[in-house]
Amino acid sequence: MTGVEIVGDVLSKYAELLKLVPADNIKAGVLPDGITLPALLVRTVSVVDRQPLKRGNLVRSTERVSVAVRAASYIDQKAVIRLVRACCAGQTGDIAGAFNVSILTAGTGPDVGGPANSFEQTQDFRVSFDAPP
């Protein structure tokens, strides 16, 4: 279990976001060449070492996860960033097979130019969760 899987799961179930970004355009690791825009790329920025819990067979992890928005226009980029924040910020509970999940915002990155004259921006999250080792 990873923070990327948790955030990806939350994003892929948010109906308002899916109106702009099809679920097939939410990827982990790398965006394929020629992907239809807008698209989201979910990646790990850093992971705090897992800490064993005294209760049960679970370990606590905290991961900084970045969601990069790539869009064809600046207006689309900003609209999708707003939806990504609304979708993930403050989520708690059992999500994507992990327990006691909490997702907090951890900063929005700068506007940058992407490949093929696209527009990009990242939104980072701090994802904490309990999961089997």
N, C-alpha and C. Protein backbone atom coordinates (compact mmCIF):
# COMPACT_ATOMS: atom_id res chain seq x y z
N MET A 1 0.84 -1.18 0.00
CA MET A 1 0.00 0.00 0.00
C MET A 1 0.89 1.24 0.00
N THR A 2 0.52 2.22 -0.82
CA THR A 2 1.26 3.48 -0.88
C THR A 2 0.31 4.66 -0.87
N GLY A 3 0.87 5.82 -0.55
CA GLY A 3 0.09 7.05 -0.62
C GLY A 3 -0.38 7.34 -2.04
N VAL A 4 0.42 6.95 -3.02
CA VAL A 4 0.03 7.14 -4.42
C VAL A 4 -1.23 6.34 -4.73
N GLU A 5 -1.30 5.10 -4.25
CA GLU A 5 -2.49 4.28 -4.48
C GLU A 5 -3.72 4.89 -3.79
N ILE A 6 -3.52 5.42 -2.60
CA ILE A 6 -4.63 6.02 -1.85
C ILE A 6 -5.15 7.26 -2.57
N VAL A 7 -4.25 8.18 -2.92
CA VAL A 7 -4.68 9.40 -3.62
C VAL A 7 -5.28 9.06 -4.97
N GLY A 8 -4.68 8.13 -5.70
CA GLY A 8 -5.24 7.71 -6.99
C GLY A 8 -6.65 7.17 -6.86
N ASP A 9 -6.89 6.40 -5.81
CA ASP A 9 -8.23 5.86 -5.56
C ASP A 9 -9.23 6.97 -5.29
N VAL A 10 -8.86 7.93 -4.46
CA VAL A 10 -9.75 9.05 -4.14
C VAL A 10 -10.05 9.86 -5.40
N LEU A 11 -9.02 10.17 -6.18
CA LEU A 11 -9.21 10.95 -7.41
C LEU A 11 -10.12 10.23 -8.39
N SER A 12 -9.93 8.93 -8.54
CA SER A 12 -10.69 8.17 -9.56
C SER A 12 -12.15 7.97 -9.20
N LYS A 13 -12.55 8.37 -7.98
CA LYS A 13 -13.94 8.21 -7.55
C LYS A 13 -14.67 9.54 -7.37
N TYR A 14 -14.00 10.65 -7.68
CA TYR A 14 -14.59 11.97 -7.47
C TYR A 14 -15.32 12.42 -8.73
N ALA A 15 -16.64 12.37 -8.71
CA ALA A 15 -17.46 12.59 -9.90
C ALA A 15 -17.21 13.95 -10.56
N GLU A 16 -17.06 15.00 -9.77
CA GLU A 16 -16.83 16.33 -10.35
C GLU A 16 -15.53 16.38 -11.13
N LEU A 17 -14.49 15.74 -10.61
CA LEU A 17 -13.21 15.71 -11.30
C LEU A 17 -13.30 14.89 -12.58
N LEU A 18 -14.03 13.78 -12.52
CA LEU A 18 -14.13 12.89 -13.69
C LEU A 18 -14.88 13.53 -14.85
N LYS A 19 -15.60 14.60 -14.59
CA LYS A 19 -16.25 15.35 -15.68
C LYS A 19 -15.20 16.04 -16.55
N LEU A 20 -14.04 16.38 -15.97
CA LEU A 20 -12.97 17.04 -16.72
C LEU A 20 -11.82 16.11 -17.07
N VAL A 21 -11.52 15.17 -16.17
CA VAL A 21 -10.38 14.26 -16.35
C VAL A 21 -10.90 12.82 -16.31
N PRO A 22 -10.93 12.13 -17.44
CA PRO A 22 -11.38 10.73 -17.42
C PRO A 22 -10.49 9.87 -16.51
N ALA A 23 -11.08 8.87 -15.88
CA ALA A 23 -10.33 8.00 -14.96
C ALA A 23 -9.10 7.40 -15.65
N ASP A 24 -9.18 7.11 -16.95
CA ASP A 24 -8.05 6.55 -17.68
C ASP A 24 -6.89 7.54 -17.81
N ASN A 25 -7.14 8.81 -17.54
CA ASN A 25 -6.11 9.84 -17.63
C ASN A 25 -5.50 10.17 -16.26
N ILE A 26 -5.79 9.35 -15.26
CA ILE A 26 -5.16 9.49 -13.94
C ILE A 26 -4.15 8.37 -13.84
N LYS A 27 -2.87 8.74 -13.86
CA LYS A 27 -1.79 7.75 -13.94
C LYS A 27 -0.82 7.90 -12.77
N ALA A 28 -0.13 6.82 -12.47
CA ALA A 28 0.96 6.83 -11.49
C ALA A 28 2.27 6.66 -12.24
N GLY A 29 3.31 7.34 -11.79
CA GLY A 29 4.64 7.14 -12.35
C GLY A 29 4.99 8.05 -13.51
N VAL A 30 4.32 7.89 -14.64
CA VAL A 30 4.63 8.68 -15.83
C VAL A 30 3.38 8.79 -16.71
N LEU A 31 3.25 9.93 -17.39
CA LEU A 31 2.17 10.08 -18.36
C LEU A 31 2.68 9.61 -19.72
N PRO A 32 1.92 8.77 -20.40
CA PRO A 32 2.36 8.31 -21.71
C PRO A 32 2.38 9.45 -22.73
N ASP A 33 3.26 9.35 -23.71
CA ASP A 33 3.29 10.33 -24.79
C ASP A 33 1.94 10.35 -25.49
N GLY A 34 1.50 11.54 -25.85
CA GLY A 34 0.27 11.68 -26.63
C GLY A 34 -1.00 11.52 -25.84
N ILE A 35 -0.94 11.50 -24.51
CA ILE A 35 -2.16 11.35 -23.71
C ILE A 35 -3.08 12.55 -23.94
N THR A 36 -4.36 12.29 -23.99
CA THR A 36 -5.34 13.35 -24.14
C THR A 36 -5.34 14.20 -22.87
N LEU A 37 -5.41 15.51 -23.03
CA LEU A 37 -5.42 16.41 -21.88
C LEU A 37 -6.83 16.85 -21.57
N PRO A 38 -7.12 17.14 -20.31
CA PRO A 38 -6.24 17.15 -19.16
C PRO A 38 -5.96 15.74 -18.63
N ALA A 39 -4.83 15.65 -17.93
CA ALA A 39 -4.41 14.39 -17.32
C ALA A 39 -3.76 14.67 -15.97
N LEU A 40 -3.75 13.64 -15.12
CA LEU A 40 -3.14 13.75 -13.79
C LEU A 40 -2.05 12.70 -13.65
N LEU A 41 -0.95 13.11 -13.04
CA LEU A 41 0.15 12.21 -12.75
C LEU A 41 0.37 12.22 -11.24
N VAL A 42 0.25 11.05 -10.60
CA VAL A 42 0.37 10.93 -9.15
C VAL A 42 1.70 10.24 -8.85
N ARG A 43 2.55 10.92 -8.03
CA ARG A 43 3.88 10.40 -7.73
C ARG A 43 4.24 10.61 -6.27
N THR A 44 5.15 9.78 -5.79
CA THR A 44 5.70 9.94 -4.44
C THR A 44 6.80 10.98 -4.48
N VAL A 45 6.75 11.90 -3.50
CA VAL A 45 7.83 12.86 -3.31
C VAL A 45 8.78 12.34 -2.25
N SER A 46 8.23 11.89 -1.12
CA SER A 46 9.05 11.34 -0.04
C SER A 46 8.19 10.46 0.85
N VAL A 47 8.88 9.58 1.61
CA VAL A 47 8.20 8.68 2.54
C VAL A 47 8.96 8.72 3.86
N VAL A 48 8.22 8.91 4.94
CA VAL A 48 8.81 8.81 6.28
C VAL A 48 8.84 7.33 6.63
N ASP A 49 9.94 6.88 7.24
CA ASP A 49 10.07 5.46 7.59
C ASP A 49 8.83 4.95 8.29
N ARG A 50 8.47 3.75 7.95
CA ARG A 50 7.32 3.10 8.59
C ARG A 50 7.60 2.88 10.06
N GLN A 51 6.59 3.10 10.87
CA GLN A 51 6.71 2.95 12.31
C GLN A 51 5.79 1.83 12.77
N PRO A 52 6.33 0.77 13.38
CA PRO A 52 5.46 -0.32 13.85
C PRO A 52 4.54 0.15 14.96
N LEU A 53 3.32 -0.32 14.91
CA LEU A 53 2.34 -0.01 15.95
C LEU A 53 2.30 -1.16 16.93
N LYS A 54 1.92 -0.87 18.15
CA LYS A 54 1.84 -1.92 19.17
C LYS A 54 0.55 -2.71 19.08
N ARG A 55 -0.39 -2.19 18.32
CA ARG A 55 -1.67 -2.90 18.20
C ARG A 55 -1.76 -3.58 16.84
N GLY A 56 -1.91 -4.84 16.86
CA GLY A 56 -2.08 -5.59 15.63
C GLY A 56 -0.83 -5.65 14.78
N ASN A 57 -1.01 -6.04 13.53
CA ASN A 57 0.08 -6.23 12.60
C ASN A 57 0.06 -5.12 11.55
N LEU A 58 0.06 -3.86 11.99
CA LEU A 58 0.01 -2.73 11.08
C LEU A 58 1.20 -1.82 11.31
N VAL A 59 1.59 -1.11 10.26
CA VAL A 59 2.63 -0.09 10.39
C VAL A 59 2.08 1.24 9.89
N ARG A 60 2.53 2.31 10.51
CA ARG A 60 2.10 3.66 10.16
C ARG A 60 3.09 4.24 9.16
N SER A 61 2.57 4.79 8.06
CA SER A 61 3.41 5.44 7.05
C SER A 61 2.90 6.85 6.81
N THR A 62 3.82 7.72 6.49
CA THR A 62 3.47 9.07 6.08
C THR A 62 4.23 9.34 4.78
N GLU A 63 3.47 9.72 3.77
CA GLU A 63 4.05 9.89 2.44
C GLU A 63 3.62 11.25 1.88
N ARG A 64 4.56 11.94 1.28
CA ARG A 64 4.22 13.17 0.55
C ARG A 64 3.97 12.75 -0.89
N VAL A 65 2.76 13.07 -1.36
CA VAL A 65 2.33 12.66 -2.69
C VAL A 65 2.05 13.91 -3.52
N SER A 66 2.55 13.91 -4.74
CA SER A 66 2.36 15.03 -5.65
C SER A 66 1.40 14.63 -6.76
N VAL A 67 0.42 15.49 -7.02
CA VAL A 67 -0.49 15.29 -8.15
C VAL A 67 -0.21 16.40 -9.15
N ALA A 68 0.35 16.02 -10.30
CA ALA A 68 0.64 16.98 -11.36
C ALA A 68 -0.54 17.04 -12.32
N VAL A 69 -0.99 18.24 -12.57
CA VAL A 69 -2.05 18.47 -13.55
C VAL A 69 -1.38 18.92 -14.84
N ARG A 70 -1.70 18.26 -15.93
CA ARG A 70 -1.27 18.71 -17.26
C ARG A 70 -2.53 19.00 -18.06
N ALA A 71 -2.62 20.22 -18.59
CA ALA A 71 -3.82 20.64 -19.30
C ALA A 71 -3.45 21.40 -20.57
N ALA A 72 -4.42 21.54 -21.47
CA ALA A 72 -4.21 22.23 -22.73
C ALA A 72 -4.30 23.74 -22.59
N SER A 73 -4.91 24.22 -21.49
CA SER A 73 -5.05 25.66 -21.28
C SER A 73 -4.82 25.99 -19.81
N TYR A 74 -4.47 27.24 -19.56
CA TYR A 74 -4.27 27.70 -18.19
C TYR A 74 -5.58 27.64 -17.40
N ILE A 75 -6.67 27.96 -18.04
CA ILE A 75 -7.99 27.91 -17.38
C ILE A 75 -8.31 26.48 -16.95
N ASP A 76 -8.06 25.51 -17.83
CA ASP A 76 -8.30 24.10 -17.48
C ASP A 76 -7.38 23.67 -16.34
N GLN A 77 -6.10 24.08 -16.40
CA GLN A 77 -5.15 23.73 -15.34
C GLN A 77 -5.67 24.19 -13.99
N LYS A 78 -6.11 25.43 -13.90
CA LYS A 78 -6.58 25.98 -12.63
C LYS A 78 -7.87 25.29 -12.17
N ALA A 79 -8.76 24.99 -13.09
CA ALA A 79 -10.01 24.31 -12.74
C ALA A 79 -9.73 22.92 -12.18
N VAL A 80 -8.80 22.20 -12.80
CA VAL A 80 -8.49 20.84 -12.35
C VAL A 80 -7.76 20.88 -11.00
N ILE A 81 -6.84 21.82 -10.82
CA ILE A 81 -6.15 21.95 -9.52
C ILE A 81 -7.16 22.17 -8.40
N ARG A 82 -8.13 23.04 -8.64
CA ARG A 82 -9.17 23.29 -7.61
C ARG A 82 -9.92 22.02 -7.26
N LEU A 83 -10.26 21.22 -8.28
CA LEU A 83 -10.98 19.97 -8.04
C LEU A 83 -10.12 18.93 -7.33
N VAL A 84 -8.84 18.86 -7.67
CA VAL A 84 -7.92 17.93 -7.00
C VAL A 84 -7.85 18.27 -5.52
N ARG A 85 -7.71 19.56 -5.20
CA ARG A 85 -7.66 19.99 -3.79
C ARG A 85 -8.98 19.65 -3.08
N ALA A 86 -10.10 19.98 -3.72
CA ALA A 86 -11.41 19.73 -3.10
C ALA A 86 -11.64 18.24 -2.88
N CYS A 87 -11.17 17.43 -3.79
CA CYS A 87 -11.37 15.99 -3.74
C CYS A 87 -10.60 15.34 -2.59
N CYS A 88 -9.35 15.72 -2.44
CA CYS A 88 -8.44 15.00 -1.53
C CYS A 88 -8.29 15.63 -0.15
N ALA A 89 -8.29 16.94 -0.08
CA ALA A 89 -7.98 17.63 1.18
C ALA A 89 -8.97 17.26 2.27
N GLY A 90 -8.44 16.82 3.40
CA GLY A 90 -9.27 16.51 4.56
C GLY A 90 -9.92 15.15 4.55
N GLN A 91 -9.61 14.31 3.57
CA GLN A 91 -10.18 12.95 3.54
C GLN A 91 -9.63 12.14 4.71
N THR A 92 -10.49 11.38 5.35
CA THR A 92 -10.08 10.49 6.43
C THR A 92 -10.86 9.18 6.32
N GLY A 93 -10.36 8.16 7.03
CA GLY A 93 -11.07 6.89 7.08
C GLY A 93 -10.25 5.77 6.49
N ASP A 94 -10.94 4.70 6.13
CA ASP A 94 -10.31 3.55 5.50
C ASP A 94 -10.48 3.71 3.99
N ILE A 95 -9.35 3.81 3.27
CA ILE A 95 -9.37 4.11 1.84
C ILE A 95 -8.41 3.16 1.13
N ALA A 96 -8.87 2.56 0.05
CA ALA A 96 -8.03 1.75 -0.85
C ALA A 96 -7.26 0.65 -0.12
N GLY A 97 -7.87 0.05 0.89
CA GLY A 97 -7.22 -1.03 1.62
C GLY A 97 -6.33 -0.59 2.76
N ALA A 98 -6.21 0.70 2.98
CA ALA A 98 -5.43 1.23 4.11
C ALA A 98 -6.39 1.71 5.19
N PHE A 99 -5.90 1.75 6.43
CA PHE A 99 -6.73 2.11 7.57
C PHE A 99 -6.27 3.44 8.16
N ASN A 100 -7.23 4.12 8.80
CA ASN A 100 -6.92 5.37 9.50
C ASN A 100 -6.17 6.36 8.61
N VAL A 101 -6.64 6.50 7.39
CA VAL A 101 -6.01 7.40 6.43
C VAL A 101 -6.36 8.84 6.77
N SER A 102 -5.40 9.71 6.60
CA SER A 102 -5.67 11.15 6.63
C SER A 102 -4.88 11.79 5.49
N ILE A 103 -5.55 12.68 4.75
CA ILE A 103 -4.93 13.37 3.63
C ILE A 103 -5.03 14.87 3.90
N LEU A 104 -3.89 15.52 3.97
CA LEU A 104 -3.81 16.96 4.19
C LEU A 104 -3.08 17.61 3.03
N THR A 105 -3.43 18.86 2.70
CA THR A 105 -2.69 19.56 1.67
C THR A 105 -1.28 19.85 2.17
N ALA A 106 -0.33 19.89 1.25
CA ALA A 106 1.07 20.13 1.61
C ALA A 106 1.73 21.09 0.62
N GLY A 107 0.95 21.96 0.00
CA GLY A 107 1.50 22.97 -0.89
C GLY A 107 1.13 22.78 -2.34
N THR A 108 1.00 23.92 -3.01
CA THR A 108 0.73 23.93 -4.45
C THR A 108 1.98 24.47 -5.14
N GLY A 109 2.39 23.79 -6.20
CA GLY A 109 3.60 24.18 -6.92
C GLY A 109 3.36 25.32 -7.89
N PRO A 110 4.43 25.75 -8.54
CA PRO A 110 4.32 26.86 -9.49
C PRO A 110 3.67 26.43 -10.80
N ASP A 111 3.21 27.42 -11.55
CA ASP A 111 2.76 27.19 -12.92
C ASP A 111 4.00 26.98 -13.77
N VAL A 112 4.01 25.90 -14.53
CA VAL A 112 5.15 25.65 -15.42
C VAL A 112 4.64 25.22 -16.79
N GLY A 113 5.50 25.40 -17.77
CA GLY A 113 5.17 24.94 -19.11
C GLY A 113 5.45 23.45 -19.22
N GLY A 114 4.52 22.73 -19.78
CA GLY A 114 4.69 21.30 -19.97
C GLY A 114 5.04 20.97 -21.40
N PRO A 115 5.17 19.68 -21.71
CA PRO A 115 5.50 19.29 -23.07
C PRO A 115 4.42 19.71 -24.05
N ALA A 116 4.83 19.98 -25.29
CA ALA A 116 3.91 20.32 -26.39
C ALA A 116 3.02 21.52 -26.03
N ASN A 117 3.62 22.53 -25.41
CA ASN A 117 2.91 23.77 -25.05
C ASN A 117 1.73 23.53 -24.12
N SER A 118 1.84 22.53 -23.25
CA SER A 118 0.78 22.29 -22.26
C SER A 118 1.07 23.11 -21.01
N PHE A 119 0.13 23.12 -20.10
CA PHE A 119 0.22 23.87 -18.86
C PHE A 119 0.24 22.88 -17.71
N GLU A 120 1.16 23.08 -16.74
CA GLU A 120 1.29 22.14 -15.62
C GLU A 120 1.37 22.86 -14.29
N GLN A 121 0.87 22.17 -13.28
CA GLN A 121 0.99 22.62 -11.90
C GLN A 121 0.82 21.40 -11.01
N THR A 122 1.46 21.42 -9.83
CA THR A 122 1.34 20.29 -8.91
C THR A 122 0.65 20.71 -7.63
N GLN A 123 -0.04 19.75 -7.04
CA GLN A 123 -0.62 19.89 -5.70
C GLN A 123 -0.08 18.74 -4.88
N ASP A 124 0.56 19.07 -3.77
CA ASP A 124 1.11 18.04 -2.89
C ASP A 124 0.18 17.77 -1.72
N PHE A 125 0.23 16.53 -1.25
CA PHE A 125 -0.56 16.10 -0.10
C PHE A 125 0.33 15.32 0.86
N ARG A 126 -0.02 15.39 2.13
CA ARG A 126 0.62 14.58 3.17
C ARG A 126 -0.37 13.47 3.49
N VAL A 127 -0.01 12.24 3.17
CA VAL A 127 -0.90 11.09 3.33
C VAL A 127 -0.34 10.20 4.44
N SER A 128 -1.11 10.04 5.52
CA SER A 128 -0.72 9.15 6.62
C SER A 128 -1.72 8.00 6.65
N PHE A 129 -1.20 6.79 6.93
CA PHE A 129 -2.09 5.62 6.91
C PHE A 129 -1.44 4.44 7.64
N ASP A 130 -2.29 3.51 8.07
CA ASP A 130 -1.88 2.25 8.65
C ASP A 130 -2.13 1.16 7.62
N ALA A 131 -1.15 0.24 7.46
CA ALA A 131 -1.33 -0.86 6.52
C ALA A 131 -0.44 -2.03 6.96
N PRO A 132 -0.76 -3.22 6.50
CA PRO A 132 0.10 -4.37 6.81
C PRO A 132 1.49 -4.14 6.22
N PRO A 133 2.52 -4.69 6.87
CA PRO A 133 3.90 -4.50 6.34
C PRO A 133 4.11 -5.19 5.01
